[in-house]
C-alpha atoms as a PDB file:
ATOM      1  CA  MET A   1       3.368 -55.590  12.339  1.00  0.00           C
ATOM      2  CA  ASP A   2       0.916 -53.703  12.048  1.00  0.00           C
ATOM      3  CA  MET A   3       3.080 -52.433   8.106  1.00  0.00           C
ATOM      4  CA  TYR A   4       2.911 -56.021   6.756  1.00  0.00           C
ATOM      5  CA  ARG A   5      -0.829 -55.974   7.802  1.00  0.00           C
ATOM      6  CA  GLU A   6      -2.051 -52.969   6.115  1.00  0.00           C
ATOM      7  CA  SER A   7       0.277 -55.020   3.104  1.00  0.00           C
ATOM      8  CA  TYR A   8      -1.805 -57.824   3.750  1.00  0.00           C
ATOM      9  CA  GLU A   9      -5.021 -56.016   3.012  1.00  0.00           C
ATOM     10  CA  ARG A  10      -4.124 -54.264   0.309  1.00  0.00           C
ATOM     11  CA  TYR A  11      -3.119 -57.334  -1.529  1.00  0.00           C
ATOM     12  CA  CYS A  12      -6.549 -58.931  -0.074  1.00  0.00           C
ATOM     13  CA  ASN A  13      -8.477 -55.546  -2.089  1.00  0.00           C
ATOM     14  CA  ALA A  14      -6.008 -56.342  -5.627  1.00  0.00           C
ATOM     15  CA  CYS A  15      -6.924 -59.476  -5.146  1.00  0.00           C
ATOM     16  CA  GLN A  16     -10.215 -58.761  -4.351  1.00  0.00           C
ATOM     17  CA  GLU A  17     -11.371 -56.389  -7.491  1.00  0.00           C
ATOM     18  CA  TYR A  18      -9.292 -57.918 -10.383  1.00  0.00           C
ATOM     19  CA  GLY A  19     -11.271 -61.428  -8.839  1.00  0.00           C
ATOM     20  CA  LEU A  20      -8.992 -63.107  -7.372  1.00  0.00           C
ATOM     21  CA  GLU A  21      -8.365 -66.136  -4.352  1.00  0.00           C
ATOM     22  CA  SER A  22      -6.175 -64.253  -2.014  1.00  0.00           C
ATOM     23  CA  LYS A  23      -3.572 -66.588   0.116  1.00  0.00           C
ATOM     24  CA  ASP A  24      -3.600 -66.584   3.532  1.00  0.00           C
ATOM     25  CA  PHE A  25      -1.629 -63.961   6.054  1.00  0.00           C
ATOM     26  CA  TYR A  26       1.099 -66.972   6.453  1.00  0.00           C
ATOM     27  CA  PHE A  27       1.884 -67.674   3.169  1.00  0.00           C
ATOM     28  CA  PHE A  28       1.339 -64.291   1.612  1.00  0.00           C
ATOM     29  CA  ILE A  29       4.317 -63.218   3.768  1.00  0.00           C
ATOM     30  CA  ASN A  30       6.357 -65.786   3.837  1.00  0.00           C
ATOM     31  CA  HIS A  31       6.898 -65.807  -0.507  1.00  0.00           C
ATOM     32  CA  LEU A  32       7.276 -61.804  -0.099  1.00  0.00           C
ATOM     33  CA  THR A  33      11.021 -60.840  -2.435  1.00  0.00           C
ATOM     34  CA  GLU A  34      13.584 -59.248  -0.269  1.00  0.00           C
ATOM     35  CA  GLU A  35      12.414 -56.713  -2.603  1.00  0.00           C
ATOM     36  CA  GLN A  36       8.925 -56.730  -1.840  1.00  0.00           C
ATOM     37  CA  LEU A  37      10.052 -56.020   1.338  1.00  0.00           C
ATOM     38  CA  ASN A  38      12.127 -53.135   1.429  1.00  0.00           C
ATOM     39  CA  ALA A  39      10.369 -50.906  -1.607  1.00  0.00           C
ATOM     40  CA  TYR A  40       7.200 -51.667   1.091  1.00  0.00           C
ATOM     41  CA  LYS A  41       9.442 -50.257   4.523  1.00  0.00           C
ATOM     42  CA  GLU A  42      10.177 -47.748   2.735  1.00  0.00           C
ATOM     43  CA  TYR A  43       6.828 -46.497   0.915  1.00  0.00           C
ATOM     44  CA  SER A  44       6.337 -46.814   3.542  1.00  0.00           C
ATOM     45  CA  LYS A  45       8.751 -44.899   5.772  1.00  0.00           C
ATOM     46  CA  ARG A  46       7.919 -42.383   3.062  1.00  0.00           C
ATOM     47  CA  ARG A  47       4.008 -42.501   4.021  1.00  0.00           C
ATOM     48  CA  ASN A  48       5.139 -41.840   7.739  1.00  0.00           C
ATOM     49  CA  ASP A  49       7.483 -38.824   6.668  1.00  0.00           C
ATOM     50  CA  GLN A  50       4.409 -37.188   5.236  1.00  0.00           C
ATOM     51  CA  ASN A  51       2.159 -37.256   7.983  1.00  0.00           C
ATOM     52  CA  ASP A  52       4.828 -35.714  10.776  1.00  0.00           C
END
C-alpha cells in the first residue's frame, strides 16, 4: 500500500505544480488503469533493486 500512497503524493505534487485540483485518494486509486498500475509497480521494483 505504501507504493500507492507514494504514487498519490507524486500525483498531488504534480497537480499543485500545474495549478490543478487533485482528487481524493479513493478516486485516484479506483481510476488507475491496469497499465498505470503495472508501470508503477515496475518502476518501484527497479528503484528498490537500485537501493539494495
